[in-house]
Amino acid sequence: MRDYGTVSPKFWTGETGKALRQDPCAQLLALYLMTSPHSNMLGVYYCPVMYMAHETGLGMEGASKALARLIDAGFCMFDEASETVFVRRMAAHQIGEALSENDKRVLGIQKEVAKMGDSPLKTAFVEVYAQAFHLTPQKGKKAKPLASPLQAPTKPGTGTGTGTGTEDSPEPDGSGPELSGFAIPLNDGSEWGIPLAPVQDWRQAFPAVDVDQELREMRAWANANPTKRKTSRGVSAFAFRWLAKAQDTPSRAKASANASDWTRVAL
């Protein structure tokens, strides 16, 4: 987690800032994305819509609509499959408009870009910053338009969606996110293999909760209540609400912490 993020005063008077003046929810989300605890200096980072909804207080519908507005305004891009956002001007504000070829930060940026894998957001980032940060454009690849978060479909294990999409998207190509080893049964008989990234984020976001144990309990609950299992689109939000409730319930959080302590002692 970064200690701070830089927000230019021109945010309010620039072209995008002016375009958002009649939409305070979009303004709030824009500021959140530039200062999010999940963000990095490049502005390309994992941030599901449910994180935006919970941490801004906008709710799922409000966050989804605000995100769609920001995408339309050209402020950011969002890849539903990986639940990753690209804030277009963030790197310029956090790092600089351009770096000399001998600047040591260039190597660090190149390493971070390499970690993005074969992603449409990587292609978009390189297109924007190739000259400024001395990056090699991806040959034969151009960033393709990404679907609105209000419409983008999902499949089990490839993202959570916002609860408003459909489920006719193609299967992942095998280059999906690293899995955590936890899974929750779904209402269609399949299972949601929980990616490692959200589990790591949950451990930081809910320090009073034994996240691993809660995930085991979610699985047990789903097995015991097959008629109440969640859809592939709603299961991630369900997990987040479960953990948030555990965090906000002192007796439950304390019991979870005690269980974690006992586990460490037993081992």
Protein backbone atom coordinates (compact mmCIF):
# COMPACT_ATOMS: atom_id res chain seq x y z
CA MET A 1 0.00 0.00 0.00
CA ARG A 2 1.34 3.44 -0.94
CA ASP A 3 1.72 6.04 1.82
CA TYR A 4 0.36 8.79 -0.39
CA GLY A 5 -0.75 9.61 -3.92
CA THR A 6 -0.27 12.81 -5.93
CA VAL A 7 -3.37 14.56 -7.26
CA SER A 8 -2.80 17.58 -9.47
CA PRO A 9 -4.88 20.72 -8.78
CA LYS A 10 -5.54 20.71 -12.53
CA PHE A 11 -7.86 17.78 -11.92
CA TRP A 12 -10.61 20.32 -11.20
CA THR A 13 -9.94 22.64 -14.13
CA GLY A 14 -8.70 20.25 -16.82
CA GLU A 15 -10.81 18.89 -19.65
CA THR A 16 -11.85 15.74 -17.79
CA GLY A 17 -12.46 17.59 -14.53
CA LYS A 18 -14.79 20.01 -16.27
CA ALA A 19 -16.66 17.15 -17.92
CA LEU A 20 -17.33 15.56 -14.50
CA ARG A 21 -18.60 18.69 -12.73
CA GLN A 22 -22.22 17.62 -13.00
CA ASP A 23 -21.50 14.14 -11.67
CA PRO A 24 -20.20 14.20 -8.06
CA CYS A 25 -20.19 10.39 -7.89
CA ALA A 26 -17.84 10.20 -10.87
CA GLN A 27 -15.65 12.91 -9.31
CA LEU A 28 -15.46 10.93 -6.07
CA LEU A 29 -14.56 7.72 -7.87
CA ALA A 30 -11.90 9.51 -9.95
CA LEU A 31 -10.23 10.80 -6.78
CA TYR A 32 -10.52 7.34 -5.23
CA LEU A 33 -8.84 5.66 -8.21
CA MET A 34 -5.93 8.12 -8.04
CA THR A 35 -5.43 7.56 -4.30
CA SER A 36 -6.74 4.01 -3.84
CA PRO A 37 -4.91 1.84 -1.27
CA HIS A 38 -4.71 -0.82 -4.01
CA SER A 39 -3.08 1.47 -6.58
CA ASN A 40 0.49 1.73 -7.80
CA MET A 41 2.56 4.42 -9.52
CA LEU A 42 1.69 3.14 -13.01
CA GLY A 43 -2.05 3.40 -12.52
CA VAL A 44 -2.64 -0.19 -13.70
CA TYR A 45 -3.81 -2.27 -10.78
CA TYR A 46 -6.32 -4.83 -9.49
CA CYS A 47 -9.44 -3.09 -8.21
CA PRO A 48 -12.79 -4.91 -8.48
CA VAL A 49 -15.92 -2.77 -8.64
CA MET A 50 -16.94 -4.11 -5.23
CA TYR A 51 -13.79 -2.49 -3.75
CA MET A 52 -14.77 0.82 -5.32
CA ALA A 53 -18.32 0.45 -4.06
CA HIS A 54 -17.38 -0.37 -0.47
CA GLU A 55 -14.47 2.01 0.01
CA THR A 56 -16.22 5.04 -1.52
CA GLY A 57 -19.64 4.28 -0.04
CA LEU A 58 -21.23 4.53 -3.49
CA GLY A 59 -22.65 1.00 -3.49
CA MET A 60 -22.41 -1.40 -6.41
CA GLU A 61 -24.85 0.42 -8.66
CA GLY A 62 -23.41 3.86 -7.91
CA ALA A 63 -19.82 2.71 -8.40
CA SER A 64 -20.68 0.90 -11.64
CA LYS A 65 -22.39 3.96 -13.10
CA ALA A 66 -19.58 6.27 -11.98
CA LEU A 67 -16.97 3.94 -13.49
CA ALA A 68 -18.86 3.84 -16.79
CA ARG A 69 -18.89 7.64 -16.80
CA LEU A 70 -15.13 7.79 -16.19
CA ILE A 71 -14.51 5.34 -19.02
CA ASP A 72 -16.68 7.40 -21.37
CA ALA A 73 -14.76 10.53 -20.34
CA GLY A 74 -11.44 8.85 -21.16
CA PHE A 75 -10.23 9.03 -17.57
CA CYS A 76 -9.62 5.30 -17.27
CA MET A 77 -10.10 1.85 -18.77
CA PHE A 78 -11.40 -1.25 -16.98
CA ASP A 79 -10.75 -4.88 -17.91
CA GLU A 80 -13.66 -6.91 -16.51
CA ALA A 81 -11.95 -10.27 -17.01
CA SER A 82 -9.04 -9.41 -14.70
CA GLU A 83 -10.88 -6.70 -12.72
CA THR A 84 -7.99 -4.36 -13.42
CA VAL A 85 -8.18 -0.60 -13.94
CA PHE A 86 -5.88 1.67 -15.93
CA VAL A 87 -6.00 5.35 -14.90
CA ARG A 88 -4.57 6.95 -18.00
CA ARG A 89 -2.78 9.98 -16.55
CA MET A 90 -1.81 8.48 -13.21
CA ALA A 91 1.76 7.54 -14.16
CA ALA A 92 2.36 11.06 -15.46
CA HIS A 93 1.26 12.51 -12.11
CA GLN A 94 3.00 9.96 -9.88
CA ILE A 95 6.25 9.59 -11.87
CA GLY A 96 6.52 12.45 -14.32
CA GLU A 97 5.51 13.46 -17.81
CA ALA A 98 8.71 11.90 -19.20
CA LEU A 99 11.99 10.37 -18.02
CA SER A 100 15.45 10.42 -19.54
CA GLU A 101 16.64 7.10 -20.92
CA ASN A 102 19.30 6.87 -18.19
CA ASP A 103 16.86 7.46 -15.34
CA LYS A 104 16.96 4.44 -13.00
CA ARG A 105 13.18 4.52 -12.72
CA VAL A 106 12.86 3.50 -16.37
CA LEU A 107 14.14 0.00 -15.58
CA GLY A 108 11.71 -0.29 -12.70
CA ILE A 109 8.82 0.74 -14.93
CA GLN A 110 9.85 -1.76 -17.60
CA LYS A 111 9.88 -4.54 -14.99
CA GLU A 112 6.42 -3.60 -13.74
CA VAL A 113 5.06 -3.50 -17.29
CA ALA A 114 6.50 -6.96 -17.96
CA LYS A 115 4.54 -8.29 -14.97
CA MET A 116 1.25 -7.23 -16.59
CA GLY A 117 1.31 -10.25 -18.90
CA ASP A 118 -0.69 -10.35 -22.11
CA SER A 119 -3.32 -7.81 -21.10
CA PRO A 120 -5.25 -5.22 -23.13
CA LEU A 121 -4.41 -2.72 -20.39
CA LYS A 122 -0.70 -3.43 -20.85
CA THR A 123 -1.07 -2.68 -24.54
CA ALA A 124 -2.93 0.53 -23.72
CA PHE A 125 -0.34 1.62 -21.16
CA VAL A 126 2.53 1.06 -23.58
CA GLU A 127 0.70 2.99 -26.30
CA VAL A 128 0.33 5.98 -23.97
CA TYR A 129 3.78 5.95 -22.36
CA ALA A 130 6.11 4.26 -24.89
CA GLN A 131 7.97 7.45 -25.72
CA ALA A 132 7.82 9.05 -22.26
CA PHE A 133 9.19 5.98 -20.44
CA HIS A 134 11.19 4.35 -23.27
CA LEU A 135 8.98 1.28 -23.58
CA THR A 136 8.93 -1.08 -26.55
CA PRO A 137 5.51 -1.12 -28.25
CA GLN A 138 3.90 -4.55 -28.56
CA LYS A 139 4.21 -5.48 -32.22
CA GLY A 140 0.97 -6.07 -34.03
CA LYS A 141 -1.14 -5.28 -30.98
CA LYS A 142 -3.45 -2.39 -30.32
CA ALA A 143 -5.59 -1.78 -27.28
CA LYS A 144 -9.13 -2.82 -28.10
CA PRO A 145 -12.17 -1.13 -26.54
CA LEU A 146 -13.23 -2.74 -23.28
CA ALA A 147 -16.82 -3.36 -22.34
CA SER A 148 -18.67 -1.09 -19.93
CA PRO A 149 -18.71 -2.40 -16.34
CA LEU A 150 -22.50 -2.18 -16.56
CA GLN A 151 -22.58 -4.72 -19.37
CA ALA A 152 -19.42 -6.83 -19.26
CA PRO A 153 -20.10 -10.57 -18.76
CA THR A 154 -18.12 -12.89 -16.52
CA LYS A 155 -17.44 -16.57 -16.00
CA PRO A 156 -16.62 -18.44 -12.79
CA GLY A 157 -13.08 -17.72 -11.71
CA THR A 158 -12.53 -14.92 -14.25
CA GLY A 159 -13.96 -11.98 -12.31
CA THR A 160 -16.93 -10.94 -10.25
CA GLY A 161 -18.74 -8.52 -12.49
CA THR A 162 -21.26 -6.09 -11.01
CA GLY A 163 -24.32 -8.29 -10.97
CA THR A 164 -25.75 -6.73 -14.13
CA GLY A 165 -23.97 -8.63 -16.92
CA THR A 166 -24.81 -11.82 -18.77
CA GLU A 167 -22.90 -15.09 -18.89
CA ASP A 168 -22.27 -15.77 -22.57
CA SER A 169 -18.59 -14.76 -22.65
CA PRO A 170 -15.97 -17.16 -23.97
CA GLU A 171 -14.02 -19.35 -21.59
CA PRO A 172 -10.66 -17.98 -20.36
CA ASP A 173 -7.62 -18.87 -22.44
CA GLY A 174 -5.67 -20.40 -19.56
CA SER A 175 -3.76 -17.20 -18.75
CA GLY A 176 -6.04 -16.28 -15.85
CA PRO A 177 -4.99 -15.06 -12.40
CA GLU A 178 -3.11 -17.27 -9.91
CA LEU A 179 -5.53 -19.16 -7.69
CA SER A 180 -5.50 -19.13 -3.88
CA GLY A 181 -6.52 -22.75 -3.32
CA PHE A 182 -9.92 -21.74 -1.92
CA ALA A 183 -13.19 -22.33 -3.79
CA ILE A 184 -16.89 -21.66 -3.20
CA PRO A 185 -19.63 -23.82 -4.80
CA LEU A 186 -21.98 -21.92 -7.13
CA ASN A 187 -25.68 -22.30 -7.90
CA ASP A 188 -24.98 -23.90 -11.30
CA GLY A 189 -22.98 -26.75 -9.76
CA SER A 190 -19.58 -25.31 -10.66
CA GLU A 191 -17.14 -23.68 -8.25
CA TRP A 192 -15.55 -20.25 -8.06
CA GLY A 193 -11.80 -20.78 -7.74
CA ILE A 194 -10.85 -17.70 -5.75
CA PRO A 195 -7.87 -15.83 -7.25
CA LEU A 196 -4.93 -15.19 -4.94
CA ALA A 197 -4.94 -11.41 -5.43
CA PRO A 198 -8.31 -10.69 -3.74
CA VAL A 199 -7.48 -13.04 -0.87
CA GLN A 200 -4.28 -11.11 -0.22
CA ASP A 201 -6.20 -7.83 -0.39
CA TRP A 202 -8.87 -9.15 2.01
CA ARG A 203 -6.20 -10.10 4.55
CA GLN A 204 -5.03 -6.49 4.55
CA ALA A 205 -8.51 -4.95 4.43
CA PHE A 206 -9.88 -7.06 7.31
CA PRO A 207 -7.02 -7.36 9.84
CA ALA A 208 -9.31 -8.52 12.67
CA VAL A 209 -10.58 -11.45 10.62
CA ASP A 210 -9.00 -14.84 9.92
CA VAL A 211 -9.77 -14.64 6.21
CA ASP A 212 -8.67 -18.21 5.46
CA GLN A 213 -11.00 -19.63 8.11
CA GLU A 214 -13.89 -17.46 6.93
CA LEU A 215 -13.40 -18.73 3.38
CA ARG A 216 -13.59 -22.30 4.66
CA GLU A 217 -16.82 -21.40 6.46
CA MET A 218 -18.25 -19.84 3.29
CA ARG A 219 -17.60 -23.11 1.47
CA ALA A 220 -19.22 -25.09 4.28
CA TRP A 221 -22.23 -22.74 4.24
CA ALA A 222 -22.62 -23.14 0.46
CA ASN A 223 -22.43 -26.93 0.76
CA ALA A 224 -25.04 -26.90 3.54
CA ASN A 225 -27.35 -24.47 1.69
CA PRO A 226 -27.34 -25.50 -1.98
CA THR A 227 -30.52 -23.53 -2.74
CA LYS A 228 -28.89 -20.33 -1.48
CA ARG A 229 -25.64 -20.61 -3.41
CA LYS A 230 -24.54 -17.53 -5.31
CA THR A 231 -24.13 -16.96 -9.02
CA SER A 232 -20.75 -16.49 -10.65
CA ARG A 233 -21.55 -12.79 -10.93
CA GLY A 234 -22.49 -12.34 -7.28
CA VAL A 235 -20.20 -14.67 -5.37
CA SER A 236 -17.27 -12.27 -5.03
CA ALA A 237 -19.49 -9.52 -3.64
CA PHE A 238 -21.02 -12.13 -1.30
CA ALA A 239 -17.55 -13.03 0.01
CA PHE A 240 -16.68 -9.38 0.51
CA ARG A 241 -19.91 -8.69 2.44
CA TRP A 242 -19.33 -11.79 4.58
CA LEU A 243 -15.83 -10.60 5.52
CA ALA A 244 -16.98 -7.02 6.11
CA LYS A 245 -19.69 -8.29 8.47
CA ALA A 246 -17.15 -10.42 10.32
CA GLN A 247 -14.87 -7.39 10.64
CA ASP A 248 -17.72 -5.26 12.00
CA THR A 249 -18.90 -7.91 14.49
CA PRO A 250 -16.55 -7.64 17.49
CA SER A 251 -17.36 -11.03 19.00
CA ARG A 252 -16.94 -12.77 15.63
CA ALA A 253 -13.71 -10.95 14.82
CA LYS A 254 -12.34 -11.76 18.28
CA ALA A 255 -13.27 -15.42 17.91
CA SER A 256 -11.64 -15.48 14.50
CA ALA A 257 -8.47 -13.92 15.92
CA ASN A 258 -8.45 -16.37 18.84
CA ALA A 259 -8.86 -19.28 16.45
CA SER A 260 -5.91 -17.99 14.46
CA ASP A 261 -3.82 -17.68 17.64
CA TRP A 262 -4.79 -21.20 18.72
CA THR A 263 -3.81 -22.54 15.31
CA ARG A 264 -0.38 -20.95 15.62
CA VAL A 265 0.05 -22.40 19.14
CA ALA A 266 -1.09 -25.86 18.02
CA LEU A 267 1.40 -25.81 15.18
